[in-house]
Amino acid sequence: MIGVVVANSDGVVIRSTATTSLFETVDNYPGVIADVVERARQVIKENDELTFLKIRTKKVEYIVVPDKEFTLITLINPSSESN
């Protein structure tokens, strides 16, 4: 695991355990993730709710848990996972 980032509803990082050795712009994650979460919410039907979102790239896997006041973002190194 790379770390965990907690951001408020404005996208400001409140707490972070993410190591910056792999990713130097941890403060930018909440803003970018918030845009993706908002687009995902637009796609979901009216009677459903977005409880979490999983985004995987070659370098990092994001597990996003959005809430009204806070967003929890877990960053995982996919190459270190055992499949």
PDB file of N, CA and C in Angstrom:
ATOM      1  N   MET A   1       0.845  -1.176   0.000  1.00  0.00           N
ATOM      2  CA  MET A   1       0.000   0.000   0.000  1.00  0.00           C
ATOM      3  C   MET A   1       0.888   1.235   0.000  1.00  0.00           C
ATOM      4  N   ILE A   2       0.465   2.217  -0.774  1.00  0.00           N
ATOM      5  CA  ILE A   2       1.191   3.476  -0.843  1.00  0.00           C
ATOM      6  C   ILE A   2       0.750   4.391   0.285  1.00  0.00           C
ATOM      7  N   GLY A   3      -0.556   4.433   0.537  1.00  0.00           N
ATOM      8  CA  GLY A   3      -1.040   5.268   1.620  1.00  0.00           C
ATOM      9  C   GLY A   3      -2.517   5.575   1.513  1.00  0.00           C
ATOM     10  N   VAL A   4      -2.970   6.415   2.429  1.00  0.00           N
ATOM     11  CA  VAL A   4      -4.372   6.815   2.498  1.00  0.00           C
ATOM     12  C   VAL A   4      -4.426   8.333   2.559  1.00  0.00           C
ATOM     13  N   VAL A   5      -5.385   8.897   1.821  1.00  0.00           N
ATOM     14  CA  VAL A   5      -5.581  10.342   1.810  1.00  0.00           C
ATOM     15  C   VAL A   5      -7.028  10.620   2.200  1.00  0.00           C
ATOM     16  N   VAL A   6      -7.232  11.544   3.141  1.00  0.00           N
ATOM     17  CA  VAL A   6      -8.566  11.995   3.513  1.00  0.00           C
ATOM     18  C   VAL A   6      -8.661  13.463   3.131  1.00  0.00           C
ATOM     19  N   ALA A   7      -9.699  13.770   2.350  1.00  0.00           N
ATOM     20  CA  ALA A   7      -9.902  15.155   1.901  1.00  0.00           C
ATOM     21  C   ALA A   7     -11.290  15.620   2.308  1.00  0.00           C
ATOM     22  N   ASN A   8     -11.435  16.930   2.488  1.00  0.00           N
ATOM     23  CA  ASN A   8     -12.758  17.466   2.809  1.00  0.00           C
ATOM     24  C   ASN A   8     -13.556  17.647   1.519  1.00  0.00           C
ATOM     25  N   SER A   9     -14.762  18.171   1.626  1.00  0.00           N
ATOM     26  CA  SER A   9     -15.634  18.302   0.462  1.00  0.00           C
ATOM     27  C   SER A   9     -15.104  19.302  -0.566  1.00  0.00           C
ATOM     28  N   ASP A  10     -14.182  20.161  -0.169  1.00  0.00           N
ATOM     29  CA  ASP A  10     -13.575  21.117  -1.094  1.00  0.00           C
ATOM     30  C   ASP A  10     -12.348  20.550  -1.802  1.00  0.00           C
ATOM     31  N   GLY A  11     -11.970  19.315  -1.473  1.00  0.00           N
ATOM     32  CA  GLY A  11     -10.805  18.693  -2.095  1.00  0.00           C
ATOM     33  C   GLY A  11      -9.491  19.022  -1.427  1.00  0.00           C
ATOM     34  N   VAL A  12      -9.556  19.591  -0.234  1.00  0.00           N
ATOM     35  CA  VAL A  12      -8.347  19.928   0.517  1.00  0.00           C
ATOM     36  C   VAL A  12      -7.940  18.722   1.358  1.00  0.00           C
ATOM     37  N   VAL A  13      -6.673  18.333   1.264  1.00  0.00           N
ATOM     38  CA  VAL A  13      -6.174  17.182   2.018  1.00  0.00           C
ATOM     39  C   VAL A  13      -6.144  17.521   3.502  1.00  0.00           C
ATOM     40  N   ILE A  14      -6.813  16.674   4.306  1.00  0.00           N
ATOM     41  CA  ILE A  14      -6.841  16.851   5.752  1.00  0.00           C
ATOM     42  C   ILE A  14      -5.771  15.984   6.393  1.00  0.00           C
ATOM     43  N   ARG A  15      -5.720  14.735   5.975  1.00  0.00           N
ATOM     44  CA  ARG A  15      -4.722  13.789   6.482  1.00  0.00           C
ATOM     45  C   ARG A  15      -4.191  12.975   5.315  1.00  0.00           C
ATOM     46  N   SER A  16      -2.934  12.584   5.411  1.00  0.00           N
ATOM     47  CA  SER A  16      -2.351  11.755   4.364  1.00  0.00           C
ATOM     48  C   SER A  16      -1.228  10.914   4.946  1.00  0.00           C
ATOM     49  N   THR A  17      -1.255   9.629   4.606  1.00  0.00           N
ATOM     50  CA  THR A  17      -0.141   8.746   4.954  1.00  0.00           C
ATOM     51  C   THR A  17       0.577   8.313   3.692  1.00  0.00           C
ATOM     52  N   ALA A  18       0.182   8.865   2.554  1.00  0.00           N
ATOM     53  CA  ALA A  18       0.762   8.485   1.266  1.00  0.00           C
ATOM     54  C   ALA A  18       2.214   8.916   1.204  1.00  0.00           C
ATOM     55  N   THR A  19       3.052   8.001   0.814  1.00  0.00           N
ATOM     56  CA  THR A  19       4.464   8.328   0.649  1.00  0.00           C
ATOM     57  C   THR A  19       4.629   9.104  -0.645  1.00  0.00           C
ATOM     58  N   THR A  20       5.456  10.095  -0.618  1.00  0.00           N
ATOM     59  CA  THR A  20       5.642  10.922  -1.806  1.00  0.00           C
ATOM     60  C   THR A  20       6.807  10.453  -2.652  1.00  0.00           C
ATOM     61  N   SER A  21       7.419   9.315  -2.329  1.00  0.00           N
ATOM     62  CA  SER A  21       8.544   8.832  -3.126  1.00  0.00           C
ATOM     63  C   SER A  21       8.082   8.446  -4.532  1.00  0.00           C
ATOM     64  N   LEU A  22       6.910   7.827  -4.643  1.00  0.00           N
ATOM     65  CA  LEU A  22       6.393   7.453  -5.957  1.00  0.00           C
ATOM     66  C   LEU A  22       5.570   8.564  -6.583  1.00  0.00           C
ATOM     67  N   PHE A  23       4.850   9.313  -5.753  1.00  0.00           N
ATOM     68  CA  PHE A  23       3.925  10.318  -6.258  1.00  0.00           C
ATOM     69  C   PHE A  23       4.168  11.629  -5.527  1.00  0.00           C
ATOM     70  N   GLU A  24       4.647  12.614  -6.268  1.00  0.00           N
ATOM     71  CA  GLU A  24       5.034  13.883  -5.645  1.00  0.00           C
ATOM     72  C   GLU A  24       3.874  14.851  -5.496  1.00  0.00           C
ATOM     73  N   THR A  25       2.738  14.575  -6.127  1.00  0.00           N
ATOM     74  CA  THR A  25       1.629  15.520  -6.119  1.00  0.00           C
ATOM     75  C   THR A  25       0.419  14.950  -5.398  1.00  0.00           C
ATOM     76  N   VAL A  26       0.610  14.450  -4.189  1.00  0.00           N
ATOM     77  CA  VAL A  26      -0.492  13.874  -3.415  1.00  0.00           C
ATOM     78  C   VAL A  26      -1.602  14.888  -3.198  1.00  0.00           C
ATOM     79  N   ASP A  27      -1.259  16.160  -3.056  1.00  0.00           N
ATOM     80  CA  ASP A  27      -2.267  17.194  -2.830  1.00  0.00           C
ATOM     81  C   ASP A  27      -3.204  17.362  -4.026  1.00  0.00           C
ATOM     82  N   ASN A  28      -2.806  16.941  -5.207  1.00  0.00           N
ATOM     83  CA  ASN A  28      -3.648  17.079  -6.395  1.00  0.00           C
ATOM     84  C   ASN A  28      -4.653  15.933  -6.545  1.00  0.00           C
ATOM     85  N   TYR A  29      -4.441  14.814  -5.873  1.00  0.00           N
ATOM     86  CA  TYR A  29      -5.332  13.658  -6.017  1.00  0.00           C
ATOM     87  C   TYR A  29      -6.793  13.973  -5.719  1.00  0.00           C
ATOM     88  N   PRO A  30      -7.114  14.592  -4.599  1.00  0.00           N
ATOM     89  CA  PRO A  30      -8.534  14.816  -4.288  1.00  0.00           C
ATOM     90  C   PRO A  30      -9.273  15.627  -5.343  1.00  0.00           C
ATOM     91  N   GLY A  31      -8.643  16.618  -5.918  1.00  0.00           N
ATOM     92  CA  GLY A  31      -9.301  17.415  -6.943  1.00  0.00           C
ATOM     93  C   GLY A  31      -9.600  16.614  -8.191  1.00  0.00           C
ATOM     94  N   VAL A  32      -8.639  15.836  -8.637  1.00  0.00           N
ATOM     95  CA  VAL A  32      -8.826  15.004  -9.821  1.00  0.00           C
ATOM     96  C   VAL A  32      -9.827  13.899  -9.537  1.00  0.00           C
ATOM     97  N   ILE A  33      -9.696  13.262  -8.386  1.00  0.00           N
ATOM     98  CA  ILE A  33     -10.615  12.180  -8.007  1.00  0.00           C
ATOM     99  C   ILE A  33     -12.036  12.721  -7.861  1.00  0.00           C
ATOM    100  N   ALA A  34     -12.192  13.924  -7.324  1.00  0.00           N
ATOM    101  CA  ALA A  34     -13.527  14.511  -7.162  1.00  0.00           C
ATOM    102  C   ALA A  34     -14.222  14.680  -8.509  1.00  0.00           C
ATOM    103  N   ASP A  35     -13.465  15.043  -9.530  1.00  0.00           N
ATOM    104  CA  ASP A  35     -14.042  15.165 -10.872  1.00  0.00           C
ATOM    105  C   ASP A  35     -14.518  13.812 -11.393  1.00  0.00           C
ATOM    106  N   VAL A  36     -13.721  12.780 -11.190  1.00  0.00           N
ATOM    107  CA  VAL A  36     -14.091  11.434 -11.642  1.00  0.00           C
ATOM    108  C   VAL A  36     -15.312  10.938 -10.873  1.00  0.00           C
ATOM    109  N   VAL A  37     -15.351  11.172  -9.567  1.00  0.00           N
ATOM    110  CA  VAL A  37     -16.489  10.748  -8.742  1.00  0.00           C
ATOM    111  C   VAL A  37     -17.758  11.450  -9.201  1.00  0.00           C
ATOM    112  N   GLU A  38     -17.670  12.735  -9.486  1.00  0.00           N
ATOM    113  CA  GLU A  38     -18.846  13.481  -9.933  1.00  0.00           C
ATOM    114  C   GLU A  38     -19.363  12.952 -11.264  1.00  0.00           C
ATOM    115  N   ARG A  39     -18.472  12.618 -12.167  1.00  0.00           N
ATOM    116  CA  ARG A  39     -18.887  12.050 -13.453  1.00  0.00           C
ATOM    117  C   ARG A  39     -19.516  10.675 -13.270  1.00  0.00           C
ATOM    118  N   ALA A  40     -18.974   9.894 -12.349  1.00  0.00           N
ATOM    119  CA  ALA A  40     -19.553   8.572 -12.070  1.00  0.00           C
ATOM    120  C   ALA A  40     -20.945   8.716 -11.473  1.00  0.00           C
ATOM    121  N   ARG A  41     -21.140   9.688 -10.605  1.00  0.00           N
ATOM    122  CA  ARG A  41     -22.466   9.924 -10.013  1.00  0.00           C
ATOM    123  C   ARG A  41     -23.493  10.304 -11.077  1.00  0.00           C
ATOM    124  N   GLN A  42     -23.069  11.036 -12.091  1.00  0.00           N
ATOM    125  CA  GLN A  42     -23.969  11.440 -13.163  1.00  0.00           C
ATOM    126  C   GLN A  42     -24.437  10.249 -13.988  1.00  0.00           C
ATOM    127  N   VAL A  43     -23.615   9.222 -14.079  1.00  0.00           N
ATOM    128  CA  VAL A  43     -23.943   8.038 -14.869  1.00  0.00           C
ATOM    129  C   VAL A  43     -24.883   7.095 -14.119  1.00  0.00           C
ATOM    130  N   ILE A  44     -24.797   7.106 -12.800  1.00  0.00           N
ATOM    131  CA  ILE A  44     -25.603   6.200 -11.978  1.00  0.00           C
ATOM    132  C   ILE A  44     -27.068   6.610 -12.018  1.00  0.00           C
ATOM    133  N   LYS A  45     -27.930   5.627 -11.985  1.00  0.00           N
ATOM    134  CA  LYS A  45     -29.371   5.880 -11.989  1.00  0.00           C
ATOM    135  C   LYS A  45     -29.788   6.661 -10.749  1.00  0.00           C
ATOM    136  N   GLU A  46     -30.928   7.301 -10.828  1.00  0.00           N
ATOM    137  CA  GLU A  46     -31.413   8.160  -9.734  1.00  0.00           C
ATOM    138  C   GLU A  46     -31.604   7.408  -8.425  1.00  0.00           C
ATOM    139  N   ASN A  47     -32.029   6.151  -8.470  1.00  0.00           N
ATOM    140  CA  ASN A  47     -32.327   5.398  -7.256  1.00  0.00           C
ATOM    141  C   ASN A  47     -31.100   4.739  -6.632  1.00  0.00           C
ATOM    142  N   ASP A  48     -29.948   4.837  -7.272  1.00  0.00           N
ATOM    143  CA  ASP A  48     -28.722   4.241  -6.751  1.00  0.00           C
ATOM    144  C   ASP A  48     -27.820   5.310  -6.151  1.00  0.00           C
ATOM    145  N   GLU A  49     -26.843   4.833  -5.389  1.00  0.00           N
ATOM    146  CA  GLU A  49     -25.895   5.735  -4.743  1.00  0.00           C
ATOM    147  C   GLU A  49     -24.486   5.197  -4.953  1.00  0.00           C
ATOM    148  N   LEU A  50     -23.539   6.075  -5.197  1.00  0.00           N
ATOM    149  CA  LEU A  50     -22.149   5.691  -5.361  1.00  0.00           C
ATOM    150  C   LEU A  50     -21.539   5.473  -3.984  1.00  0.00           C
ATOM    151  N   THR A  51     -21.192   4.227  -3.656  1.00  0.00           N
ATOM    152  CA  THR A  51     -20.617   3.934  -2.345  1.00  0.00           C
ATOM    153  C   THR A  51     -19.098   3.862  -2.390  1.00  0.00           C
ATOM    154  N   PHE A  52     -18.543   3.344  -3.490  1.00  0.00           N
ATOM    155  CA  PHE A  52     -17.096   3.384  -3.669  1.00  0.00           C
ATOM    156  C   PHE A  52     -16.768   3.260  -5.141  1.00  0.00           C
ATOM    157  N   LEU A  53     -15.553   3.630  -5.475  1.00  0.00           N
ATOM    158  CA  LEU A  53     -15.094   3.633  -6.852  1.00  0.00           C
ATOM    159  C   LEU A  53     -13.677   3.082  -6.871  1.00  0.00           C
ATOM    160  N   LYS A  54     -13.404   2.184  -7.795  1.00  0.00           N
ATOM    161  CA  LYS A  54     -12.072   1.594  -7.914  1.00  0.00           C
ATOM    162  C   LYS A  54     -11.508   1.969  -9.275  1.00  0.00           C
ATOM    163  N   ILE A  55     -10.345   2.600  -9.264  1.00  0.00           N
ATOM    164  CA  ILE A  55      -9.680   3.035 -10.485  1.00  0.00           C
ATOM    165  C   ILE A  55      -8.281   2.419 -10.491  1.00  0.00           C
ATOM    166  N   ARG A  56      -7.934   1.749 -11.573  1.00  0.00           N
ATOM    167  CA  ARG A  56      -6.631   1.089 -11.625  1.00  0.00           C
ATOM    168  C   ARG A  56      -5.853   1.560 -12.845  1.00  0.00           C
ATOM    169  N   THR A  57      -4.600   1.949 -12.606  1.00  0.00           N
ATOM    170  CA  THR A  57      -3.672   2.292 -13.676  1.00  0.00           C
ATOM    171  C   THR A  57      -2.458   1.384 -13.538  1.00  0.00           C
ATOM    172  N   LYS A  58      -1.477   1.563 -14.377  1.00  0.00           N
ATOM    173  CA  LYS A  58      -0.265   0.731 -14.288  1.00  0.00           C
ATOM    174  C   LYS A  58       0.525   1.022 -13.011  1.00  0.00           C
ATOM    175  N   LYS A  59       0.500   2.278 -12.559  1.00  0.00           N
ATOM    176  CA  LYS A  59       1.313   2.668 -11.414  1.00  0.00           C
ATOM    177  C   LYS A  59       0.575   2.621 -10.081  1.00  0.00           C
ATOM    178  N   VAL A  60      -0.729   2.850 -10.094  1.00  0.00           N
ATOM    179  CA  VAL A  60      -1.451   2.942  -8.821  1.00  0.00           C
ATOM    180  C   VAL A  60      -2.897   2.503  -9.003  1.00  0.00           C
ATOM    181  N   GLU A  61      -3.440   1.956  -7.924  1.00  0.00           N
ATOM    182  CA  GLU A  61      -4.853   1.614  -7.865  1.00  0.00           C
ATOM    183  C   GLU A  61      -5.480   2.484  -6.786  1.00  0.00           C
ATOM    184  N   TYR A  62      -6.588   3.140  -7.128  1.00  0.00           N
ATOM    185  CA  TYR A  62      -7.279   4.020  -6.200  1.00  0.00           C
ATOM    186  C   TYR A  62      -8.569   3.343  -5.755  1.00  0.00           C
ATOM    187  N   ILE A  63      -8.803   3.301  -4.464  1.00  0.00           N
ATOM    188  CA  ILE A  63     -10.087   2.899  -3.905  1.00  0.00           C
ATOM    189  C   ILE A  63     -10.651   4.171  -3.275  1.00  0.00           C
ATOM    190  N   VAL A  64     -11.756   4.660  -3.818  1.00  0.00           N
ATOM    191  CA  VAL A  64     -12.324   5.947  -3.405  1.00  0.00           C
ATOM    192  C   VAL A  64     -13.660   5.704  -2.723  1.00  0.00           C
ATOM    193  N   VAL A  65     -13.807   6.257  -1.523  1.00  0.00           N
ATOM    194  CA  VAL A  65     -15.063   6.184  -0.778  1.00  0.00           C
ATOM    195  C   VAL A  65     -15.537   7.617  -0.553  1.00  0.00           C
ATOM    196  N   PRO A  66     -16.457   8.098  -1.416  1.00  0.00           N
ATOM    197  CA  PRO A  66     -16.936   9.470  -1.269  1.00  0.00           C
ATOM    198  C   PRO A  66     -18.068   9.562  -0.253  1.00  0.00           C
ATOM    199  N   ASP A  67     -18.094  10.650   0.480  1.00  0.00           N
ATOM    200  CA  ASP A  67     -19.151  10.936   1.434  1.00  0.00           C
ATOM    201  C   ASP A  67     -19.506  12.410   1.269  1.00  0.00           C
ATOM    202  N   LYS A  68     -20.505  12.891   1.987  1.00  0.00           N
ATOM    203  CA  LYS A  68     -20.913  14.286   1.850  1.00  0.00           C
ATOM    204  C   LYS A  68     -19.827  15.251   2.321  1.00  0.00           C
ATOM    205  N   GLU A  69     -19.204  14.940   3.448  1.00  0.00           N
ATOM    206  CA  GLU A  69     -18.229  15.858   4.032  1.00  0.00           C
ATOM    207  C   GLU A  69     -16.778  15.509   3.714  1.00  0.00           C
ATOM    208  N   PHE A  70     -16.483  14.211   3.510  1.00  0.00           N
ATOM    209  CA  PHE A  70     -15.113  13.766   3.320  1.00  0.00           C
ATOM    210  C   PHE A  70     -15.028  12.756   2.184  1.00  0.00           C
ATOM    211  N   THR A  71     -13.821  12.607   1.654  1.00  0.00           N
ATOM    212  CA  THR A  71     -13.538  11.561   0.680  1.00  0.00           C
ATOM    213  C   THR A  71     -12.301  10.821   1.148  1.00  0.00           C
ATOM    214  N   LEU A  72     -12.406   9.500   1.195  1.00  0.00           N
ATOM    215  CA  LEU A  72     -11.287   8.640   1.577  1.00  0.00           C
ATOM    216  C   LEU A  72     -10.718   8.036   0.311  1.00  0.00           C
ATOM    217  N   ILE A  73      -9.420   8.209   0.105  1.00  0.00           N
ATOM    218  CA  ILE A  73      -8.749   7.673  -1.076  1.00  0.00           C
ATOM    219  C   ILE A  73      -7.614   6.780  -0.601  1.00  0.00           C
ATOM    220  N   THR A  74      -7.681   5.510  -0.971  1.00  0.00           N
ATOM    221  CA  THR A  74      -6.611   4.568  -0.657  1.00  0.00           C
ATOM    222  C   THR A  74      -5.797   4.353  -1.921  1.00  0.00           C
ATOM    223  N   LEU A  75      -4.481   4.490  -1.820  1.00  0.00           N
ATOM    224  CA  LEU A  75      -3.608   4.304  -2.951  1.00  0.00           C
ATOM    225  C   LEU A  75      -2.824   3.010  -2.763  1.00  0.00           C
ATOM    226  N   ILE A  76      -2.907   2.132  -3.741  1.00  0.00           N
ATOM    227  CA  ILE A  76      -2.267   0.831  -3.659  1.00  0.00           C
ATOM    228  C   ILE A  76      -1.364   0.660  -4.881  1.00  0.00           C
ATOM    229  N   ASN A  77      -0.190   0.088  -4.673  1.00  0.00           N
ATOM    230  CA  ASN A  77       0.724  -0.221  -5.763  1.00  0.00           C
ATOM    231  C   ASN A  77       0.279  -1.560  -6.356  1.00  0.00           C
ATOM    232  N   PRO A  78      -0.296  -1.584  -7.582  1.00  0.00           N
ATOM    233  CA  PRO A  78      -0.835  -2.829  -8.125  1.00  0.00           C
ATOM    234  C   PRO A  78       0.237  -3.877  -8.419  1.00  0.00           C
ATOM    235  N   SER A  79       1.475  -3.473  -8.621  1.00  0.00           N
ATOM    236  CA  SER A  79       2.526  -4.451  -8.917  1.00  0.00           C
ATOM    237  C   SER A  79       2.956  -5.230  -7.681  1.00  0.00           C
ATOM    238  N   SER A  80       2.635  -4.728  -6.480  1.00  0.00           N
ATOM    239  CA  SER A  80       3.007  -5.431  -5.253  1.00  0.00           C
ATOM    240  C   SER A  80       1.905  -6.353  -4.756  1.00  0.00           C
ATOM    241  N   GLU A  81       0.730  -6.325  -5.414  1.00  0.00           N
ATOM    242  CA  GLU A  81      -0.378  -7.187  -5.005  1.00  0.00           C
ATOM    243  C   GLU A  81      -0.108  -8.612  -5.430  1.00  0.00           C
ATOM    244  N   SER A  82      -0.558  -9.534  -4.629  1.00  0.00           N
ATOM    245  CA  SER A  82      -0.486 -10.937  -5.011  1.00  0.00           C
ATOM    246  C   SER A  82      -1.808 -11.333  -5.634  1.00  0.00           C
ATOM    247  N   ASN A  83      -1.782 -11.820  -6.870  1.00  0.00           N
ATOM    248  CA  ASN A  83      -3.008 -12.185  -7.584  1.00  0.00           C
ATOM    249  C   ASN A  83      -3.263 -13.655  -7.516  1.00  0.00           C
TER     250      ASN A  83
END
